[in-house]
Amino acid sequence: RDESRAMGKPGKIYVHFEAADPNYTMPLELSPELTFDEVVDTFCQRYNSKHGAVRTLDALAVHATVSSSKPVSGDAAVAETVSAGDDVLIVSKDGTYPEQGTATPAPPPASKAS
């Protein structure tokens, strides 16, 4: 069973944002071509869809870390860095986590007049 992990067999990793509320965990299927930039982009899109009213994450302001906050290169292949079942954390590059209201809000539905 450990052989499959060492060979980078497909499986899920768990991507977490726990530095500020609301926390969020996203399981993500490993694939050989998946990069950490793609993990961050996908995570931020899903997080913002779910929690955007409270907080939004900017993919350019956060990065992925593994093994006690060590940042990983965005273009690094995820499958070569972590194994199925491993955790990846999303953290702010500058240590801040702005709450909603600092990003440009979406126009209200009533403003769709032609």
Protein backbone atom coordinates (compact mmCIF):
# COMPACT_ATOMS: atom_id res chain seq x y z
CA ARG A 1 0.00 0.00 0.00
CA ASP A 2 2.86 2.37 0.70
CA GLU A 3 4.17 1.61 -2.79
CA SER A 4 1.14 3.28 -4.36
CA ARG A 5 1.81 6.43 -2.33
CA ALA A 6 5.47 6.49 -3.32
CA MET A 7 4.64 6.05 -6.98
CA GLY A 8 2.26 9.03 -6.94
CA LYS A 9 -0.86 6.99 -7.65
CA PRO A 10 -4.07 9.00 -7.92
CA GLY A 11 -5.92 9.77 -4.74
CA LYS A 12 -7.20 12.78 -2.86
CA ILE A 13 -5.36 15.47 -0.97
CA TYR A 14 -7.09 17.73 1.51
CA VAL A 15 -6.68 21.47 1.07
CA HIS A 16 -7.43 23.53 4.18
CA PHE A 17 -7.91 27.18 5.06
CA GLU A 18 -7.83 27.48 8.87
CA ALA A 19 -6.09 30.81 9.51
CA ALA A 20 -9.31 32.82 9.82
CA ASP A 21 -13.05 32.19 9.96
CA PRO A 22 -14.79 30.74 8.13
CA ASN A 23 -12.55 27.67 7.88
CA TYR A 24 -12.90 25.43 4.84
CA THR A 25 -11.56 22.07 3.67
CA MET A 26 -11.66 20.92 0.06
CA PRO A 27 -10.81 17.37 -1.04
CA LEU A 28 -9.02 17.45 -4.39
CA GLU A 29 -8.17 14.56 -6.70
CA LEU A 30 -4.45 14.25 -7.41
CA SER A 31 -3.36 14.17 -11.04
CA PRO A 32 0.19 14.09 -12.45
CA GLU A 33 -0.10 17.51 -14.13
CA LEU A 34 -1.74 19.37 -11.21
CA THR A 35 0.34 22.32 -9.92
CA PHE A 36 0.07 24.21 -6.64
CA ASP A 37 -1.02 27.34 -8.54
CA GLU A 38 -3.98 25.34 -9.84
CA VAL A 39 -4.73 24.08 -6.33
CA VAL A 40 -4.74 27.67 -5.01
CA ASP A 41 -6.92 28.93 -7.89
CA THR A 42 -9.45 26.11 -7.51
CA PHE A 43 -9.52 26.43 -3.73
CA CYS A 44 -10.06 30.20 -3.82
CA GLN A 45 -12.89 29.87 -6.37
CA ARG A 46 -14.69 27.27 -4.25
CA TYR A 47 -14.05 29.11 -0.98
CA ASN A 48 -15.34 32.39 -2.41
CA SER A 49 -18.45 30.67 -3.83
CA LYS A 50 -19.23 29.25 -0.41
CA HIS A 51 -18.04 32.01 1.97
CA GLY A 52 -17.76 35.13 -0.22
CA ALA A 53 -20.36 37.03 1.78
CA VAL A 54 -18.08 36.87 4.84
CA ARG A 55 -14.56 36.65 3.42
CA THR A 56 -12.97 36.26 0.01
CA LEU A 57 -9.56 34.80 -0.75
CA ASP A 58 -7.45 36.32 -3.51
CA ALA A 59 -5.43 33.63 -5.29
CA LEU A 60 -2.61 36.17 -5.75
CA ALA A 61 -2.46 36.94 -2.01
CA VAL A 62 -2.26 33.36 -0.72
CA HIS A 63 -0.05 30.36 -1.33
CA ALA A 64 0.01 26.66 -0.57
CA THR A 65 2.18 25.22 2.19
CA VAL A 66 3.04 21.72 3.30
CA SER A 67 4.94 20.39 6.29
CA SER A 68 4.77 23.11 8.92
CA SER A 69 4.21 26.23 6.85
CA LYS A 70 6.97 25.70 4.29
CA PRO A 71 5.76 27.46 1.11
CA VAL A 72 5.90 25.49 -2.10
CA SER A 73 6.55 26.83 -5.57
CA GLY A 74 3.33 27.52 -7.46
CA ASP A 75 4.52 25.70 -10.55
CA ALA A 76 5.63 22.60 -8.60
CA ALA A 77 3.78 19.37 -9.40
CA VAL A 78 1.56 18.48 -6.47
CA ALA A 79 1.93 14.71 -7.03
CA GLU A 80 5.72 15.01 -6.74
CA THR A 81 5.50 16.95 -3.47
CA VAL A 82 2.68 15.30 -1.49
CA SER A 83 0.97 11.91 -1.44
CA ALA A 84 -2.67 10.90 -1.46
CA GLY A 85 -4.22 11.64 1.91
CA ASP A 86 -1.81 14.48 2.70
CA ASP A 87 -2.87 17.95 3.83
CA VAL A 88 -2.07 21.22 2.07
CA LEU A 89 -2.69 24.53 3.82
CA ILE A 90 -3.66 27.78 2.16
CA VAL A 91 -2.10 30.76 3.94
CA SER A 92 -1.71 34.47 3.30
CA LYS A 93 1.56 35.63 1.78
CA ASP A 94 1.62 38.70 4.03
CA GLY A 95 -0.08 37.29 7.13
CA THR A 96 -3.32 39.26 6.74
CA TYR A 97 -6.80 37.95 6.01
CA PRO A 98 -9.08 40.85 5.06
CA GLU A 99 -12.76 40.37 5.74
CA GLN A 100 -15.43 40.90 3.12
CA GLY A 101 -15.91 44.54 2.23
CA THR A 102 -12.28 45.05 1.20
CA ALA A 103 -12.88 43.46 -2.19
CA THR A 104 -15.01 44.99 -4.93
CA PRO A 105 -18.55 43.81 -4.25
CA ALA A 106 -20.66 42.29 -7.01
CA PRO A 107 -23.39 44.62 -8.29
CA PRO A 108 -26.79 43.97 -6.72
CA PRO A 109 -29.26 41.99 -8.87
CA ALA A 110 -31.52 45.05 -9.21
CA SER A 111 -28.79 46.83 -11.23
CA LYS A 112 -29.33 44.55 -14.23
CA ALA A 113 -31.56 47.13 -15.97
CA SER A 114 -30.95 47.36 -19.71
